[in-house]
Amino acid sequence: MEPKAIVFEPGSAVYFIIYGGSWFSGTIIGCVDSDRFLVQYRRNSVESTVVSLHQLRLLPPPESHREFKSGDKVVVFHDHRWRDGHVTADLVNGRFVVSFRDSEEMMLPKEQLRDRIRTLKSHFNETSTSEFC
């Protein structure tokens, strides 16, 4: 199966890795060269940064149909960034306790969770390109 191409261009909603492993959601607002992009994102305020093509991913799609259970590996959107974690408890009513690598635990709604394995698999089946620079 041929990987499908992803074309990043101004206005593309992405998430990207910076600051030693934190994934942030943002929007491509410009191109620096063939494999570097200017991305606008929110941290404590609206900020912009230059990121390389290998740091970019498409935003994972919502998984409202997905059922999570204790032990599932997830990607969580919290505090303007994406973090890897795993579900440690189902609190019912669509809320879960998620543990992170730094031993922090949080109660989060289902809407903030994505299946980490499915998200990773989708990235291995895609190739990133830039056609607007």
Protein backbone atom coordinates (compact mmCIF):
# COMPACT_ATOMS: atom_id res chain seq x y z
CA MET A 1 0.00 0.00 0.00
CA GLU A 2 1.42 3.35 -1.08
CA PRO A 3 1.61 5.99 1.66
CA LYS A 4 -0.76 8.86 1.02
CA ALA A 5 0.79 12.29 0.71
CA ILE A 6 0.01 15.08 3.14
CA VAL A 7 0.38 18.57 1.77
CA PHE A 8 1.04 21.24 4.37
CA GLU A 9 0.04 24.74 3.31
CA PRO A 10 -1.06 28.01 4.96
CA GLY A 11 -4.20 27.38 6.97
CA SER A 12 -3.41 23.69 7.60
CA ALA A 13 -4.32 22.67 11.17
CA VAL A 14 -1.39 20.74 12.61
CA TYR A 15 0.27 19.66 15.79
CA PHE A 16 4.02 19.80 16.19
CA ILE A 17 6.73 18.88 18.65
CA ILE A 18 8.90 21.49 20.38
CA TYR A 19 10.29 22.22 23.84
CA GLY A 20 11.79 18.79 24.45
CA GLY A 21 8.80 16.67 23.56
CA SER A 22 5.63 18.73 23.99
CA TRP A 23 3.13 18.55 21.12
CA PHE A 24 1.22 21.76 20.42
CA SER A 25 -1.76 22.40 18.13
CA GLY A 26 -1.36 25.21 15.66
CA THR A 27 -1.97 26.56 12.17
CA ILE A 28 0.59 26.94 9.41
CA ILE A 29 0.74 30.64 8.52
CA GLY A 30 3.71 30.65 6.17
CA CYS A 31 6.65 28.89 4.62
CA VAL A 32 10.30 29.60 5.43
CA ASP A 33 11.72 27.20 2.83
CA SER A 34 10.91 23.78 1.34
CA ASP A 35 10.87 21.96 4.69
CA ARG A 36 10.40 24.65 7.36
CA PHE A 37 7.15 26.38 8.26
CA LEU A 38 5.97 29.31 10.35
CA VAL A 39 3.31 27.99 12.73
CA GLN A 40 1.05 30.03 15.00
CA TYR A 41 -0.11 28.40 18.24
CA ARG A 42 -1.34 29.12 21.74
CA ARG A 43 0.70 28.53 24.83
CA ASN A 44 0.15 31.24 27.42
CA SER A 45 -0.54 33.67 24.59
CA VAL A 46 -0.60 33.48 20.80
CA GLU A 47 2.92 32.70 19.62
CA SER A 48 4.66 31.81 16.37
CA THR A 49 7.63 29.54 15.76
CA VAL A 50 9.48 27.92 12.87
CA VAL A 51 9.24 24.12 12.72
CA SER A 52 10.72 21.57 10.33
CA LEU A 53 8.63 19.18 8.26
CA HIS A 54 9.61 16.19 10.45
CA GLN A 55 8.13 17.97 13.51
CA LEU A 56 4.64 18.33 11.95
CA ARG A 57 1.61 16.03 12.07
CA LEU A 58 -2.00 16.47 11.08
CA LEU A 59 -4.33 16.90 14.02
CA PRO A 60 -5.72 13.55 15.09
CA PRO A 61 -9.43 13.32 14.25
CA PRO A 62 -12.00 13.28 17.07
CA GLU A 63 -12.86 9.80 18.27
CA SER A 64 -16.33 10.24 19.72
CA HIS A 65 -17.22 6.66 18.74
CA ARG A 66 -14.14 5.20 20.48
CA GLU A 67 -14.58 3.46 23.79
CA PHE A 68 -11.61 3.79 26.13
CA LYS A 69 -10.78 1.43 28.97
CA SER A 70 -8.19 1.17 31.73
CA GLY A 71 -4.74 0.50 30.28
CA ASP A 72 -5.39 2.12 26.87
CA LYS A 73 -2.51 4.25 25.59
CA VAL A 74 -3.82 7.68 24.64
CA VAL A 75 -2.80 11.09 23.36
CA VAL A 76 -4.43 13.84 25.42
CA PHE A 77 -5.04 17.47 24.53
CA HIS A 78 -4.61 19.58 27.66
CA ASP A 79 -3.15 22.99 28.45
CA HIS A 80 -2.74 23.87 24.74
CA ARG A 81 -0.62 20.79 24.00
CA TRP A 82 -0.78 17.05 23.27
CA ARG A 83 0.67 14.61 25.81
CA ASP A 84 1.15 10.84 25.83
CA GLY A 85 -0.52 8.97 28.66
CA HIS A 86 -2.58 5.94 29.56
CA VAL A 87 -6.07 5.49 30.99
CA THR A 88 -6.00 4.34 34.62
CA ALA A 89 -9.74 4.54 35.38
CA ASP A 90 -13.12 4.98 33.70
CA LEU A 91 -15.18 7.37 35.84
CA VAL A 92 -18.32 6.86 33.69
CA ASN A 93 -20.23 9.70 32.06
CA GLY A 94 -17.41 10.11 29.53
CA ARG A 95 -14.68 11.04 32.01
CA PHE A 96 -11.41 9.19 32.57
CA VAL A 97 -8.36 9.31 34.82
CA VAL A 98 -5.22 9.51 32.70
CA SER A 99 -1.64 9.02 33.97
CA PHE A 100 1.37 10.67 32.34
CA ARG A 101 5.08 9.81 32.32
CA ASP A 102 5.81 12.35 35.05
CA SER A 103 3.37 10.48 37.36
CA GLU A 104 0.80 13.27 37.06
CA GLU A 105 -2.82 12.07 36.89
CA MET A 106 -5.79 14.04 35.56
CA MET A 107 -9.53 13.58 35.18
CA LEU A 108 -10.38 14.36 31.56
CA PRO A 109 -13.43 14.16 29.29
CA LYS A 110 -13.46 11.65 26.43
CA GLU A 111 -13.31 14.50 23.87
CA GLN A 112 -9.72 15.26 24.92
CA LEU A 113 -8.50 11.67 24.33
CA ARG A 114 -7.22 10.03 21.14
CA ASP A 115 -6.04 6.46 20.66
CA ARG A 116 -2.24 6.73 20.65
CA ILE A 117 -1.64 3.56 18.63
CA ARG A 118 -4.17 4.50 15.92
CA THR A 119 -2.70 8.02 15.76
CA LEU A 120 0.84 6.66 15.32
CA LYS A 121 -0.26 4.15 12.66
CA SER A 122 -1.92 6.89 10.62
CA HIS A 123 1.37 8.84 10.56
CA PHE A 124 3.37 5.85 9.32
CA ASN A 125 0.95 5.54 6.38
CA GLU A 126 1.49 9.13 5.26
CA THR A 127 4.32 11.07 3.69
CA SER A 128 4.67 14.78 4.27
CA THR A 129 5.26 17.22 1.45
CA SER A 130 5.20 20.93 0.88
CA GLU A 131 4.10 22.25 -2.49
CA PHE A 132 3.68 25.96 -1.79
CA CYS A 133 7.24 27.04 -0.99
